[in-house]
């Protein structure tokens, strides 16, 4: 015996309005998650930038101390 394929009742049918409502709901969730991820990326980027600046400053100071010019002043 083969199962008969009947149409579901009208209440169970999916309408375009149902689809649109669900897509809008999903889009809202995606936007919230995207904003949270963007905020995290901004914070991580700022921390990395500050770290790079501090390392460059430290290396510059060290190099300046190693190759300091000595100026002698002699009176004639």
PDB file of N, CA and C in Angstrom:
ATOM      1  N   UNK A   1       0.824  -1.167   0.000  1.00  0.00           N
ATOM      2  CA  UNK A   1       0.000   0.000   0.000  1.00  0.00           C
ATOM      3  C   UNK A   1       0.880   1.247   0.000  1.00  0.00           C
ATOM      4  N   UNK A   2       0.465   2.144  -0.781  1.00  0.00           N
ATOM      5  CA  UNK A   2       1.194   3.406  -0.836  1.00  0.00           C
ATOM      6  C   UNK A   2       0.457   4.442  -0.002  1.00  0.00           C
ATOM      7  N   UNK A   3       1.227   5.246   0.723  1.00  0.00           N
ATOM      8  CA  UNK A   3       0.546   6.270   1.526  1.00  0.00           C
ATOM      9  C   UNK A   3      -0.057   7.330   0.622  1.00  0.00           C
ATOM     10  N   UNK A   4      -1.208   7.771   0.986  1.00  0.00           N
ATOM     11  CA  UNK A   4      -1.865   8.812   0.187  1.00  0.00           C
ATOM     12  C   UNK A   4      -1.303  10.169   0.585  1.00  0.00           C
ATOM     13  N   UNK A   5      -1.100  10.989  -0.397  1.00  0.00           N
ATOM     14  CA  UNK A   5      -0.563  12.326  -0.146  1.00  0.00           C
ATOM     15  C   UNK A   5      -1.714  13.319  -0.204  1.00  0.00           C
ATOM     16  N   UNK A   6      -2.037  13.822   0.942  1.00  0.00           N
ATOM     17  CA  UNK A   6      -3.106  14.806   0.985  1.00  0.00           C
ATOM     18  C   UNK A   6      -2.512  16.138   1.418  1.00  0.00           C
ATOM     19  N   UNK A   7      -3.169  17.190   1.090  1.00  0.00           N
ATOM     20  CA  UNK A   7      -2.708  18.529   1.456  1.00  0.00           C
ATOM     21  C   UNK A   7      -2.985  18.751   2.943  1.00  0.00           C
ATOM     22  N   UNK A   8      -2.066  19.435   3.622  1.00  0.00           N
ATOM     23  CA  UNK A   8      -2.317  19.722   5.034  1.00  0.00           C
ATOM     24  C   UNK A   8      -3.460  20.716   5.166  1.00  0.00           C
ATOM     25  N   UNK A   9      -4.059  20.789   6.320  1.00  0.00           N
ATOM     26  CA  UNK A   9      -5.160  21.742   6.505  1.00  0.00           C
ATOM     27  C   UNK A   9      -4.676  23.176   6.277  1.00  0.00           C
ATOM     28  N   UNK A  10      -5.606  24.053   5.975  1.00  0.00           N
ATOM     29  CA  UNK A  10      -5.273  25.433   5.650  1.00  0.00           C
ATOM     30  C   UNK A  10      -4.530  26.122   6.784  1.00  0.00           C
ATOM     31  N   UNK A  11      -4.770  25.745   8.017  1.00  0.00           N
ATOM     32  CA  UNK A  11      -4.109  26.362   9.159  1.00  0.00           C
ATOM     33  C   UNK A  11      -2.624  26.035   9.176  1.00  0.00           C
ATOM     34  N   UNK A  12      -2.220  24.887   8.677  1.00  0.00           N
ATOM     35  CA  UNK A  12      -0.840  24.445   8.735  1.00  0.00           C
ATOM     36  C   UNK A  12      -0.028  24.920   7.526  1.00  0.00           C
ATOM     37  N   UNK A  13      -0.658  25.499   6.544  1.00  0.00           N
ATOM     38  CA  UNK A  13       0.087  25.938   5.362  1.00  0.00           C
ATOM     39  C   UNK A  13       0.913  27.178   5.699  1.00  0.00           C
ATOM     40  N   UNK A  14       2.065  27.252   5.083  1.00  0.00           N
ATOM     41  CA  UNK A  14       2.966  28.388   5.303  1.00  0.00           C
ATOM     42  C   UNK A  14       2.635  29.468   4.288  1.00  0.00           C
ATOM     43  N   UNK A  15       2.428  30.661   4.778  1.00  0.00           N
ATOM     44  CA  UNK A  15       2.099  31.782   3.903  1.00  0.00           C
ATOM     45  C   UNK A  15       3.343  32.646   3.703  1.00  0.00           C
ATOM     46  N   UNK A  16       3.328  33.473   2.680  1.00  0.00           N
ATOM     47  CA  UNK A  16       4.462  34.391   2.479  1.00  0.00           C
ATOM     48  C   UNK A  16       4.678  35.313   3.681  1.00  0.00           C
ATOM     49  N   UNK A  17       3.614  35.674   4.363  1.00  0.00           N
ATOM     50  CA  UNK A  17       3.752  36.514   5.556  1.00  0.00           C
ATOM     51  C   UNK A  17       4.506  35.779   6.661  1.00  0.00           C
ATOM     52  N   UNK A  18       4.241  34.470   6.795  1.00  0.00           N
ATOM     53  CA  UNK A  18       4.960  33.670   7.790  1.00  0.00           C
ATOM     54  C   UNK A  18       6.454  33.643   7.478  1.00  0.00           C
ATOM     55  N   UNK A  19       6.761  33.420   6.213  1.00  0.00           N
ATOM     56  CA  UNK A  19       8.174  33.395   5.798  1.00  0.00           C
ATOM     57  C   UNK A  19       8.856  34.739   6.053  1.00  0.00           C
ATOM     58  N   UNK A  20       8.179  35.810   5.680  1.00  0.00           N
ATOM     59  CA  UNK A  20       8.761  37.144   5.860  1.00  0.00           C
ATOM     60  C   UNK A  20       8.995  37.436   7.337  1.00  0.00           C
ATOM     61  N   UNK A  21       8.057  37.071   8.186  1.00  0.00           N
ATOM     62  CA  UNK A  21       8.208  37.310   9.622  1.00  0.00           C
ATOM     63  C   UNK A  21       9.397  36.532  10.177  1.00  0.00           C
ATOM     64  N   UNK A  22       9.555  35.300   9.755  1.00  0.00           N
ATOM     65  CA  UNK A  22      10.666  34.471  10.243  1.00  0.00           C
ATOM     66  C   UNK A  22      12.002  35.019   9.734  1.00  0.00           C
ATOM     67  N   UNK A  23      12.061  35.442   8.471  1.00  0.00           N
ATOM     68  CA  UNK A  23      13.302  36.009   7.932  1.00  0.00           C
ATOM     69  C   UNK A  23      13.678  37.288   8.668  1.00  0.00           C
ATOM     70  N   UNK A  24      12.692  38.121   8.977  1.00  0.00           N
ATOM     71  CA  UNK A  24      12.977  39.356   9.731  1.00  0.00           C
ATOM     72  C   UNK A  24      13.501  39.032  11.127  1.00  0.00           C
ATOM     73  N   UNK A  25      12.942  38.013  11.753  1.00  0.00           N
ATOM     74  CA  UNK A  25      13.391  37.587  13.084  1.00  0.00           C
ATOM     75  C   UNK A  25      14.852  37.118  13.020  1.00  0.00           C
ATOM     76  N   UNK A  26      15.158  36.300  12.036  1.00  0.00           N
ATOM     77  CA  UNK A  26      16.531  35.808  11.879  1.00  0.00           C
ATOM     78  C   UNK A  26      17.494  36.945  11.570  1.00  0.00           C
ATOM     79  N   UNK A  27      17.071  37.875  10.740  1.00  0.00           N
ATOM     80  CA  UNK A  27      17.924  39.003  10.380  1.00  0.00           C
ATOM     81  C   UNK A  27      18.233  39.845  11.619  1.00  0.00           C
ATOM     82  N   UNK A  28      17.257  40.028  12.483  1.00  0.00           N
ATOM     83  CA  UNK A  28      17.473  40.778  13.715  1.00  0.00           C
ATOM     84  C   UNK A  28      18.503  40.099  14.603  1.00  0.00           C
ATOM     85  N   UNK A  29      18.426  38.773  14.712  1.00  0.00           N
ATOM     86  CA  UNK A  29      19.394  38.027  15.514  1.00  0.00           C
ATOM     87  C   UNK A  29      20.792  38.147  14.918  1.00  0.00           C
ATOM     88  N   UNK A  30      20.900  38.071  13.611  1.00  0.00           N
ATOM     89  CA  UNK A  30      22.202  38.167  12.950  1.00  0.00           C
ATOM     90  C   UNK A  30      22.807  39.554  13.177  1.00  0.00           C
ATOM     91  N   UNK A  31      22.002  40.590  13.130  1.00  0.00           N
ATOM     92  CA  UNK A  31      22.509  41.941  13.350  1.00  0.00           C
ATOM     93  C   UNK A  31      23.035  42.103  14.768  1.00  0.00           C
ATOM     94  N   UNK A  32      22.333  41.535  15.747  1.00  0.00           N
ATOM     95  CA  UNK A  32      22.778  41.629  17.147  1.00  0.00           C
ATOM     96  C   UNK A  32      24.113  40.915  17.317  1.00  0.00           C
ATOM     97  N   UNK A  33      24.225  39.726  16.765  1.00  0.00           N
ATOM     98  CA  UNK A  33      25.473  38.965  16.874  1.00  0.00           C
ATOM     99  C   UNK A  33      26.599  39.696  16.146  1.00  0.00           C
ATOM    100  N   UNK A  34      26.293  40.283  15.002  1.00  0.00           N
ATOM    101  CA  UNK A  34      27.302  41.025  14.241  1.00  0.00           C
ATOM    102  C   UNK A  34      27.803  42.244  14.994  1.00  0.00           C
ATOM    103  N   UNK A  35      26.900  42.958  15.658  1.00  0.00           N
ATOM    104  CA  UNK A  35      27.309  44.130  16.435  1.00  0.00           C
ATOM    105  C   UNK A  35      28.188  43.725  17.607  1.00  0.00           C
ATOM    106  N   UNK A  36      27.852  42.623  18.278  1.00  0.00           N
ATOM    107  CA  UNK A  36      28.672  42.148  19.392  1.00  0.00           C
ATOM    108  C   UNK A  36      30.067  41.762  18.907  1.00  0.00           C
ATOM    109  N   UNK A  37      30.144  41.085  17.774  1.00  0.00           N
ATOM    110  CA  UNK A  37      31.438  40.686  17.233  1.00  0.00           C
ATOM    111  C   UNK A  37      32.253  41.913  16.828  1.00  0.00           C
ATOM    112  N   UNK A  38      31.598  42.916  16.257  1.00  0.00           N
ATOM    113  CA  UNK A  38      32.298  44.132  15.849  1.00  0.00           C
ATOM    114  C   UNK A  38      32.865  44.849  17.060  1.00  0.00           C
ATOM    115  N   UNK A  39      32.103  44.913  18.154  1.00  0.00           N
ATOM    116  CA  UNK A  39      32.590  45.554  19.368  1.00  0.00           C
ATOM    117  C   UNK A  39      33.827  44.842  19.906  1.00  0.00           C
ATOM    118  N   UNK A  40      33.807  43.524  19.881  1.00  0.00           N
ATOM    119  CA  UNK A  40      34.966  42.750  20.345  1.00  0.00           C
ATOM    120  C   UNK A  40      36.174  43.015  19.454  1.00  0.00           C
ATOM    121  N   UNK A  41      35.967  43.077  18.144  1.00  0.00           N
ATOM    122  CA  UNK A  41      37.076  43.330  17.224  1.00  0.00           C
ATOM    123  C   UNK A  41      37.684  44.714  17.445  1.00  0.00           C
ATOM    124  N   UNK A  42      36.856  45.700  17.722  1.00  0.00           N
ATOM    125  CA  UNK A  42      37.361  47.052  17.965  1.00  0.00           C
ATOM    126  C   UNK A  42      38.228  47.064  19.217  1.00  0.00           C
ATOM    127  N   UNK A  43      37.781  46.401  20.265  1.00  0.00           N
ATOM    128  CA  UNK A  43      38.559  46.355  21.509  1.00  0.00           C
ATOM    129  C   UNK A  43      39.874  45.627  21.286  1.00  0.00           C
ATOM    130  N   UNK A  44      39.831  44.495  20.614  1.00  0.00           N
ATOM    131  CA  UNK A  44      41.054  43.728  20.356  1.00  0.00           C
ATOM    132  C   UNK A  44      42.010  44.541  19.488  1.00  0.00           C
ATOM    133  N   UNK A  45      41.507  45.224  18.488  1.00  0.00           N
ATOM    134  CA  UNK A  45      42.345  46.058  17.632  1.00  0.00           C
ATOM    135  C   UNK A  45      43.006  47.188  18.401  1.00  0.00           C
ATOM    136  N   UNK A  46      42.256  47.811  19.308  1.00  0.00           N
ATOM    137  CA  UNK A  46      42.820  48.896  20.115  1.00  0.00           C
ATOM    138  C   UNK A  46      43.923  48.373  21.020  1.00  0.00           C
ATOM    139  N   UNK A  47      43.726  47.211  21.624  1.00  0.00           N
ATOM    140  CA  UNK A  47      44.749  46.631  22.498  1.00  0.00           C
ATOM    141  C   UNK A  47      46.007  46.305  21.702  1.00  0.00           C
ATOM    142  N   UNK A  48      45.845  45.744  20.527  1.00  0.00           N
ATOM    143  CA  UNK A  48      47.004  45.413  19.686  1.00  0.00           C
ATOM    144  C   UNK A  48      47.731  46.680  19.269  1.00  0.00           C
ATOM    145  N   UNK A  49      47.004  47.713  18.904  1.00  0.00           N
ATOM    146  CA  UNK A  49      47.622  48.975  18.497  1.00  0.00           C
ATOM    147  C   UNK A  49      48.437  49.580  19.642  1.00  0.00           C
ATOM    148  N   UNK A  50      47.870  49.589  20.836  1.00  0.00           N
ATOM    149  CA  UNK A  50      48.597  50.125  21.993  1.00  0.00           C
ATOM    150  C   UNK A  50      49.848  49.292  22.255  1.00  0.00           C
ATOM    151  N   UNK A  51      49.745  47.982  22.125  1.00  0.00           N
ATOM    152  CA  UNK A  51      50.907  47.106  22.314  1.00  0.00           C
ATOM    153  C   UNK A  51      52.008  47.394  21.314  1.00  0.00           C
ATOM    154  N   UNK A  52      51.647  47.577  20.064  1.00  0.00           N
ATOM    155  CA  UNK A  52      52.651  47.869  19.028  1.00  0.00           C
ATOM    156  C   UNK A  52      53.327  49.209  19.300  1.00  0.00           C
ATOM    157  N   UNK A  53      52.559  50.203  19.705  1.00  0.00           N
ATOM    158  CA  UNK A  53      53.135  51.514  19.999  1.00  0.00           C
ATOM    159  C   UNK A  53      54.098  51.420  21.180  1.00  0.00           C
ATOM    160  N   UNK A  54      53.724  50.687  22.217  1.00  0.00           N
ATOM    161  CA  UNK A  54      54.601  50.543  23.382  1.00  0.00           C
ATOM    162  C   UNK A  54      55.893  49.803  23.033  1.00  0.00           C
ATOM    163  N   UNK A  55      55.792  48.760  22.231  1.00  0.00           N
ATOM    164  CA  UNK A  55      56.997  48.024  21.821  1.00  0.00           C
ATOM    165  C   UNK A  55      57.900  48.915  20.977  1.00  0.00           C
ATOM    166  N   UNK A  56      57.336  49.674  20.052  1.00  0.00           N
ATOM    167  CA  UNK A  56      58.140  50.574  19.228  1.00  0.00           C
ATOM    168  C   UNK A  56      58.810  51.643  20.085  1.00  0.00           C
ATOM    169  N   UNK A  57      58.101  52.154  21.067  1.00  0.00           N
ATOM    170  CA  UNK A  57      58.667  53.161  21.975  1.00  0.00           C
ATOM    171  C   UNK A  57      59.831  52.570  22.763  1.00  0.00           C
ATOM    172  N   UNK A  58      59.628  51.351  23.305  1.00  0.00           N
ATOM    173  CA  UNK A  58      60.680  50.709  24.098  1.00  0.00           C
ATOM    174  C   UNK A  58      61.911  50.421  23.250  1.00  0.00           C
ATOM    175  N   UNK A  59      61.717  49.923  22.040  1.00  0.00           N
ATOM    176  CA  UNK A  59      62.859  49.634  21.167  1.00  0.00           C
ATOM    177  C   UNK A  59      63.560  50.922  20.754  1.00  0.00           C
ATOM    178  N   UNK A  60      62.836  51.978  20.541  1.00  0.00           N
ATOM    179  CA  UNK A  60      63.432  53.265  20.184  1.00  0.00           C
ATOM    180  C   UNK A  60      64.260  53.840  21.317  1.00  0.00           C
ATOM    181  N   UNK A  61      63.790  53.715  22.523  1.00  0.00           N
ATOM    182  CA  UNK A  61      64.557  54.201  23.680  1.00  0.00           C
ATOM    183  C   UNK A  61      65.837  53.412  23.836  1.00  0.00           C
ATOM    184  N   UNK A  62      65.755  52.107  23.666  1.00  0.00           N
ATOM    185  CA  UNK A  62      66.941  51.262  23.814  1.00  0.00           C
ATOM    186  C   UNK A  62      67.975  51.612  22.760  1.00  0.00           C
ATOM    187  N   UNK A  63      67.523  51.797  21.545  1.00  0.00           N
ATOM    188  CA  UNK A  63      68.459  52.127  20.466  1.00  0.00           C
ATOM    189  C   UNK A  63      69.083  53.497  20.717  1.00  0.00           C
ATOM    190  N   UNK A  64      68.303  54.427  21.209  1.00  0.00           N
ATOM    191  CA  UNK A  64      68.818  55.754  21.514  1.00  0.00           C
ATOM    192  C   UNK A  64      69.876  55.715  22.606  1.00  0.00           C
ATOM    193  N   UNK A  65      69.717  54.840  23.578  1.00  0.00           N
ATOM    194  CA  UNK A  65      70.709  54.717  24.644  1.00  0.00           C
ATOM    195  C   UNK A  65      71.978  54.046  24.155  1.00  0.00           C
ATOM    196  N   UNK A  66      71.886  53.132  23.241  1.00  0.00           N
ATOM    197  CA  UNK A  66      73.055  52.403  22.750  1.00  0.00           C
ATOM    198  C   UNK A  66      73.920  53.267  21.836  1.00  0.00           C
ATOM    199  N   UNK A  67      73.327  54.122  21.045  1.00  0.00           N
ATOM    200  CA  UNK A  67      74.076  54.890  20.057  1.00  0.00           C
ATOM    201  C   UNK A  67      74.000  56.382  20.363  1.00  0.00           C
ATOM    202  N   UNK A  68      74.259  56.718  21.585  1.00  0.00           N
ATOM    203  CA  UNK A  68      74.193  58.105  21.978  1.00  0.00           C
ATOM    204  C   UNK A  68      75.455  58.824  21.488  1.00  0.00           C
ATOM    205  N   UNK A  69      75.284  59.977  20.969  1.00  0.00           N
ATOM    206  CA  UNK A  69      76.408  60.764  20.486  1.00  0.00           C
ATOM    207  C   UNK A  69      77.026  61.490  21.674  1.00  0.00           C
ATOM    208  N   UNK A  70      78.382  61.445  21.756  1.00  0.00           N
ATOM    209  CA  UNK A  70      79.097  62.146  22.802  1.00  0.00           C
ATOM    210  C   UNK A  70      79.692  63.412  22.188  1.00  0.00           C
ATOM    211  N   UNK A  71      79.362  64.525  22.785  1.00  0.00           N
ATOM    212  CA  UNK A  71      79.857  65.795  22.277  1.00  0.00           C
ATOM    213  C   UNK A  71      80.855  66.359  23.293  1.00  0.00           C
ATOM    214  N   UNK A  72      82.082  66.592  22.819  1.00  0.00           N
ATOM    215  CA  UNK A  72      83.095  67.187  23.685  1.00  0.00           C
ATOM    216  C   UNK A  72      83.228  68.649  23.322  1.00  0.00           C
ATOM    217  N   UNK A  73      83.274  69.446  24.348  1.00  0.00           N
ATOM    218  CA  UNK A  73      83.461  70.875  24.126  1.00  0.00           C
ATOM    219  C   UNK A  73      84.838  71.239  24.678  1.00  0.00           C
ATOM    220  N   UNK A  74      85.688  71.765  23.836  1.00  0.00           N
ATOM    221  CA  UNK A  74      87.011  72.172  24.249  1.00  0.00           C
ATOM    222  C   UNK A  74      87.142  73.675  24.076  1.00  0.00           C
ATOM    223  N   UNK A  75      87.772  74.249  25.084  1.00  0.00           N
ATOM    224  CA  UNK A  75      88.029  75.671  24.967  1.00  0.00           C
ATOM    225  C   UNK A  75      89.448  75.868  24.442  1.00  0.00           C
ATOM    226  N   UNK A  76      89.554  76.740  23.549  1.00  0.00           N
ATOM    227  CA  UNK A  76      90.873  77.008  22.981  1.00  0.00           C
ATOM    228  C   UNK A  76      91.448  78.262  23.583  1.00  0.00           C
TER     229      UNK A  76
END
